[in-house]
């Protein structure tokens, strides 16, 4: 399979954003709320901060210890909501167990929702065809179109663990002319769906779940999965089995991740522009 180079696409997006930001009268501001000691979360935030500063964004990192009260986090988010220098806010997940992640995340003002996964943002996307999708979904669509293939009337399958991702992803594909189905756990009959799909988006947290025998020749496969197995980062796709298959596949790492970060920056710039 041909790799869909997410790092290259992300670099191109950042380069375009750097030029745009340099010409803006107001510097877009991005704030990230980070609670606790999760190693992966700290790594992700460092990558986002590096990318944000690279293109010239104003960046604020709001870091709290693991035993922080929910009230303290909500107070800080309220301050960011009121800060005119901050245009985009995200809460890095997961949060420590004493915090209600749903309540904390949805405290962000919808006008500053940089990720696009607030309940209000998802509802707006569902009911308004002109609304922006979650940045993860938008990044996936950018990766799909980066293959240069035509997808009008193509069949697609979204394998997802939750409706929070599955429904907006399927809706975005539908709005771009694809015939879409969604599969949720336990995925007993997923093979018959993936074998018929021209595009497969998989985000289920099951390492090597999707194998070459499960996919249609010349399919485009977007692997959103990310699991640490024996000191190695692997996706939901068995990439080794796909090597001789014709088609396109996002690598893990180097596929969805870098593009999602780039789209987060792009969304922050959009929010700053109003």
Protein backbone atom coordinates (compact mmCIF):
# COMPACT_ATOMS: atom_id res chain seq x y z
CA UNK A 1 0.00 0.00 0.00
CA UNK A 2 1.06 3.58 -0.61
CA UNK A 3 1.58 5.52 2.65
CA UNK A 4 -0.45 8.69 3.16
CA UNK A 5 2.27 10.90 4.64
CA UNK A 6 0.66 12.81 7.48
CA UNK A 7 3.88 14.55 8.51
CA UNK A 8 4.37 16.00 5.04
CA UNK A 9 0.76 17.18 4.81
CA UNK A 10 0.95 18.70 8.31
CA UNK A 11 4.15 20.56 7.42
CA UNK A 12 2.44 22.03 4.38
CA UNK A 13 -0.57 23.16 6.44
CA UNK A 14 1.70 24.74 9.09
CA UNK A 15 3.72 26.57 6.45
CA UNK A 16 0.53 28.09 5.00
CA UNK A 17 -0.68 29.04 8.48
CA UNK A 18 2.62 30.69 9.40
CA UNK A 19 2.25 33.07 6.46
CA UNK A 20 -1.38 33.78 7.34
CA UNK A 21 -0.64 34.41 11.04
CA UNK A 22 2.24 36.78 10.21
CA UNK A 23 -0.19 38.96 8.26
CA UNK A 24 -2.84 39.09 11.00
CA UNK A 25 -3.26 42.19 13.13
CA UNK A 26 -4.21 40.08 16.16
CA UNK A 27 -2.12 37.04 17.04
CA UNK A 28 -4.38 33.99 17.50
CA UNK A 29 -4.20 32.51 21.00
CA UNK A 30 -4.45 28.82 21.94
CA UNK A 31 -4.73 27.57 25.54
CA UNK A 32 -4.40 23.97 26.66
CA UNK A 33 -5.54 22.77 30.07
CA UNK A 34 -3.43 19.83 31.31
CA UNK A 35 -4.19 18.05 34.58
CA UNK A 36 -2.12 15.27 36.10
CA UNK A 37 0.97 13.25 35.23
CA UNK A 38 -0.11 11.16 32.25
CA UNK A 39 3.08 10.77 30.23
CA UNK A 40 1.36 10.55 26.86
CA UNK A 41 -0.72 13.67 27.60
CA UNK A 42 2.39 15.68 28.45
CA UNK A 43 4.01 14.51 25.22
CA UNK A 44 0.97 15.49 23.14
CA UNK A 45 0.82 18.94 24.75
CA UNK A 46 4.52 19.55 24.11
CA UNK A 47 4.00 18.67 20.43
CA UNK A 48 1.03 21.02 20.19
CA UNK A 49 2.94 23.81 21.92
CA UNK A 50 5.93 23.39 19.61
CA UNK A 51 3.71 23.47 16.52
CA UNK A 52 1.75 26.48 17.80
CA UNK A 53 4.85 28.52 18.53
CA UNK A 54 6.37 27.50 15.19
CA UNK A 55 3.58 29.24 13.27
CA UNK A 56 3.49 32.26 15.57
CA UNK A 57 0.49 31.59 17.80
CA UNK A 58 0.17 32.98 21.31
CA UNK A 59 0.23 29.80 23.45
CA UNK A 60 -0.84 29.33 27.07
CA UNK A 61 -0.25 26.08 28.94
CA UNK A 62 -2.44 25.74 32.03
CA UNK A 63 -0.95 22.88 34.04
CA UNK A 64 -2.41 21.43 37.25
CA UNK A 65 -1.24 18.62 39.58
CA UNK A 66 -3.18 15.35 39.60
CA UNK A 67 -4.97 16.13 42.89
CA UNK A 68 -6.42 19.43 41.66
CA UNK A 69 -10.07 20.08 42.48
CA UNK A 70 -12.64 20.34 39.72
CA UNK A 71 -13.56 23.82 40.94
CA UNK A 72 -10.00 25.04 40.33
CA UNK A 73 -10.00 23.72 36.76
CA UNK A 74 -13.43 25.17 36.00
CA UNK A 75 -12.33 28.54 37.36
CA UNK A 76 -9.31 28.56 35.06
CA UNK A 77 -11.43 27.65 32.03
CA UNK A 78 -13.83 30.48 32.89
CA UNK A 79 -10.86 32.86 32.93
CA UNK A 80 -9.75 31.62 29.52
CA UNK A 81 -13.30 32.01 28.20
CA UNK A 82 -13.15 35.66 29.21
CA UNK A 83 -9.61 36.31 27.95
CA UNK A 84 -9.70 38.26 24.65
CA UNK A 85 -6.19 37.05 23.81
CA UNK A 86 -7.32 33.41 23.78
CA UNK A 87 -9.31 32.25 20.75
CA UNK A 88 -9.11 28.47 21.11
CA UNK A 89 -9.20 26.24 24.21
CA UNK A 90 -8.76 22.51 24.63
CA UNK A 91 -8.70 20.24 27.67
CA UNK A 92 -6.16 17.47 27.25
CA UNK A 93 -7.70 14.08 28.03
CA UNK A 94 -7.71 11.84 30.01
CA UNK A 95 -8.38 13.71 33.25
CA UNK A 96 -7.79 12.33 36.77
CA UNK A 97 -10.69 10.30 38.13
CA UNK A 98 -11.94 12.98 40.56
CA UNK A 99 -12.79 15.24 37.62
CA UNK A 100 -15.91 14.87 35.50
CA UNK A 101 -14.40 15.06 32.00
CA UNK A 102 -17.73 15.73 30.32
CA UNK A 103 -18.55 18.65 32.63
CA UNK A 104 -15.02 20.09 32.44
CA UNK A 105 -14.76 19.96 28.65
CA UNK A 106 -18.23 21.39 28.10
CA UNK A 107 -17.39 24.39 30.28
CA UNK A 108 -15.38 25.73 27.32
CA UNK A 109 -17.26 28.50 25.51
CA UNK A 110 -18.49 27.13 22.14
CA UNK A 111 -16.95 30.15 20.39
CA UNK A 112 -13.53 28.98 21.66
CA UNK A 113 -13.94 25.24 21.03
CA UNK A 114 -10.68 24.44 19.24
CA UNK A 115 -11.26 20.67 19.05
CA UNK A 116 -14.87 20.82 17.88
CA UNK A 117 -16.07 18.06 20.20
CA UNK A 118 -18.19 20.11 22.61
CA UNK A 119 -21.80 18.93 22.74
CA UNK A 120 -22.91 22.29 21.38
CA UNK A 121 -20.39 22.11 18.53
CA UNK A 122 -21.38 18.58 17.58
CA UNK A 123 -25.06 19.51 17.58
CA UNK A 124 -24.36 22.53 15.40
CA UNK A 125 -22.41 20.38 12.94
CA UNK A 126 -25.24 17.84 12.88
CA UNK A 127 -27.92 20.42 12.09
CA UNK A 128 -25.99 22.98 10.03
CA UNK A 129 -24.25 21.85 6.84
CA UNK A 130 -22.12 24.99 6.91
CA UNK A 131 -20.76 24.32 10.42
CA UNK A 132 -17.21 23.13 10.99
CA UNK A 133 -16.61 19.46 11.88
CA UNK A 134 -14.37 18.33 14.74
CA UNK A 135 -10.72 18.91 13.83
CA UNK A 136 -9.96 15.18 14.00
CA UNK A 137 -12.63 14.46 11.39
CA UNK A 138 -11.54 17.38 9.22
CA UNK A 139 -7.95 16.18 9.37
CA UNK A 140 -9.00 12.69 8.32
CA UNK A 141 -10.84 14.12 5.32
CA UNK A 142 -7.72 16.07 4.37
CA UNK A 143 -5.72 12.82 4.50
CA UNK A 144 -8.30 11.03 2.34
CA UNK A 145 -8.29 13.74 -0.32
CA UNK A 146 -4.49 13.92 -0.19
CA UNK A 147 -4.39 10.62 -2.10
CA UNK A 148 -5.62 12.45 -5.20
CA UNK A 149 -8.34 9.86 -5.76
CA UNK A 150 -11.96 10.66 -6.64
CA UNK A 151 -14.39 9.52 -3.94
CA UNK A 152 -17.76 10.65 -5.24
CA UNK A 153 -20.27 7.78 -4.82
CA UNK A 154 -17.61 5.68 -3.12
CA UNK A 155 -18.58 3.38 -0.25
CA UNK A 156 -17.13 4.09 3.19
CA UNK A 157 -17.16 2.39 6.56
CA UNK A 158 -16.37 4.04 9.90
CA UNK A 159 -15.41 1.62 12.67
CA UNK A 160 -15.60 3.47 15.98
CA UNK A 161 -15.86 2.88 19.70
CA UNK A 162 -18.21 5.80 20.28
CA UNK A 163 -20.89 7.87 18.61
CA UNK A 164 -18.95 11.01 19.63
CA UNK A 165 -16.43 10.27 16.88
CA UNK A 166 -18.39 7.88 14.66
CA UNK A 167 -21.40 10.08 13.91
CA UNK A 168 -19.62 13.33 12.92
CA UNK A 169 -17.04 11.37 10.91
CA UNK A 170 -19.76 9.56 8.99
CA UNK A 171 -21.69 12.78 8.48
CA UNK A 172 -18.63 14.57 7.08
CA UNK A 173 -18.01 11.74 4.62
CA UNK A 174 -21.67 11.73 3.62
CA UNK A 175 -21.64 15.47 2.99
CA UNK A 176 -18.66 14.94 0.71
CA UNK A 177 -20.55 12.47 -1.46
CA UNK A 178 -19.68 9.07 0.04
CA UNK A 179 -22.13 6.28 0.85
CA UNK A 180 -21.33 5.66 4.53
CA UNK A 181 -22.02 3.01 7.15
CA UNK A 182 -20.92 3.00 10.80
CA UNK A 183 -19.94 -0.04 12.86
CA UNK A 184 -19.66 -0.09 16.65
CA UNK A 185 -18.46 -2.87 19.02
CA UNK A 186 -18.42 -5.84 19.01
CA UNK A 187 -17.65 -5.67 15.22
CA UNK A 188 -18.83 -9.23 14.56
CA UNK A 189 -19.73 -8.50 10.93
CA UNK A 190 -17.25 -5.75 10.17
CA UNK A 191 -15.32 -7.78 7.58
CA UNK A 192 -18.20 -7.84 5.10
CA UNK A 193 -18.43 -4.06 5.44
CA UNK A 194 -14.70 -3.35 5.08
CA UNK A 195 -14.41 -5.70 2.09
CA UNK A 196 -17.01 -3.58 0.28
CA UNK A 197 -15.59 -0.21 1.32
CA UNK A 198 -13.52 2.10 -0.85
CA UNK A 199 -12.68 4.07 2.28
CA UNK A 200 -12.24 2.65 5.78
CA UNK A 201 -11.77 4.85 8.85
CA UNK A 202 -10.93 2.82 11.94
CA UNK A 203 -10.67 4.12 15.52
CA UNK A 204 -11.32 1.26 17.92
CA UNK A 205 -8.17 0.84 20.03
CA UNK A 206 -7.59 -2.77 18.97
CA UNK A 207 -3.99 -3.23 17.74
CA UNK A 208 -3.67 -4.95 14.34
CA UNK A 209 -7.44 -5.58 14.17
CA UNK A 210 -7.82 -4.81 10.47
CA UNK A 211 -5.82 -7.13 8.21
CA UNK A 212 -5.15 -7.37 4.48
CA UNK A 213 -7.78 -10.09 4.05
CA UNK A 214 -10.39 -7.69 5.43
CA UNK A 215 -10.03 -4.87 2.90
CA UNK A 216 -10.96 -4.18 -0.68
CA UNK A 217 -8.12 -3.79 -3.21
CA UNK A 218 -7.25 -0.13 -3.87
CA UNK A 219 -9.05 0.98 -0.72
CA UNK A 220 -8.03 4.05 1.28
CA UNK A 221 -7.55 3.20 4.95
CA UNK A 222 -7.27 5.81 7.70
CA UNK A 223 -5.87 4.31 10.91
CA UNK A 224 -6.85 6.48 13.88
CA UNK A 225 -5.83 3.83 16.41
CA UNK A 226 -2.84 4.40 18.68
CA UNK A 227 -1.69 1.82 21.24
CA UNK A 228 1.67 1.26 22.93
CA UNK A 229 2.66 -2.41 22.54
CA UNK A 230 6.08 -3.58 23.74
CA UNK A 231 7.62 -0.11 23.48
CA UNK A 232 6.23 0.35 19.98
CA UNK A 233 3.38 2.57 18.77
CA UNK A 234 0.90 0.58 16.71
CA UNK A 235 -2.46 1.27 15.11
CA UNK A 236 -5.69 -0.65 14.60
CA UNK A 237 -4.43 -1.82 11.20
CA UNK A 238 -2.00 -4.70 10.71
CA UNK A 239 0.26 -2.61 8.49
CA UNK A 240 2.70 -5.43 7.77
CA UNK A 241 -0.02 -7.57 6.22
CA UNK A 242 -1.00 -4.65 3.99
CA UNK A 243 2.39 -4.11 2.37
CA UNK A 244 1.60 -5.89 -0.91
CA UNK A 245 -2.03 -4.74 -1.07
CA UNK A 246 -2.83 -2.03 -3.63
CA UNK A 247 -4.27 1.07 -2.01
CA UNK A 248 -3.45 3.82 0.50
CA UNK A 249 -2.83 3.66 4.25
CA UNK A 250 -1.95 6.17 6.97
CA UNK A 251 1.06 5.02 9.01
CA UNK A 252 1.15 4.91 12.82
CA UNK A 253 2.86 7.05 13.91
CA UNK A 254 3.09 9.74 11.23
CA UNK A 255 -0.42 9.70 9.83
CA UNK A 256 -3.49 11.07 11.60
CA UNK A 257 -1.64 12.56 14.60
CA UNK A 258 0.44 15.27 12.90
CA UNK A 259 -2.43 16.35 10.67
CA UNK A 260 -4.83 16.61 13.62
CA UNK A 261 -2.39 18.93 15.40
CA UNK A 262 -2.06 21.04 12.24
CA UNK A 263 -5.84 21.23 11.91
CA UNK A 264 -6.09 22.29 15.57
CA UNK A 265 -3.83 25.24 14.75
CA UNK A 266 -5.87 26.02 11.64
CA UNK A 267 -9.08 25.98 13.68
CA UNK A 268 -7.57 28.39 16.22
CA UNK A 269 -6.69 30.77 13.40
CA UNK A 270 -10.26 30.49 12.04
CA UNK A 271 -11.70 31.23 15.48
CA UNK A 272 -9.46 34.30 15.78
CA UNK A 273 -10.69 35.54 12.42
CA UNK A 274 -14.29 35.10 13.56
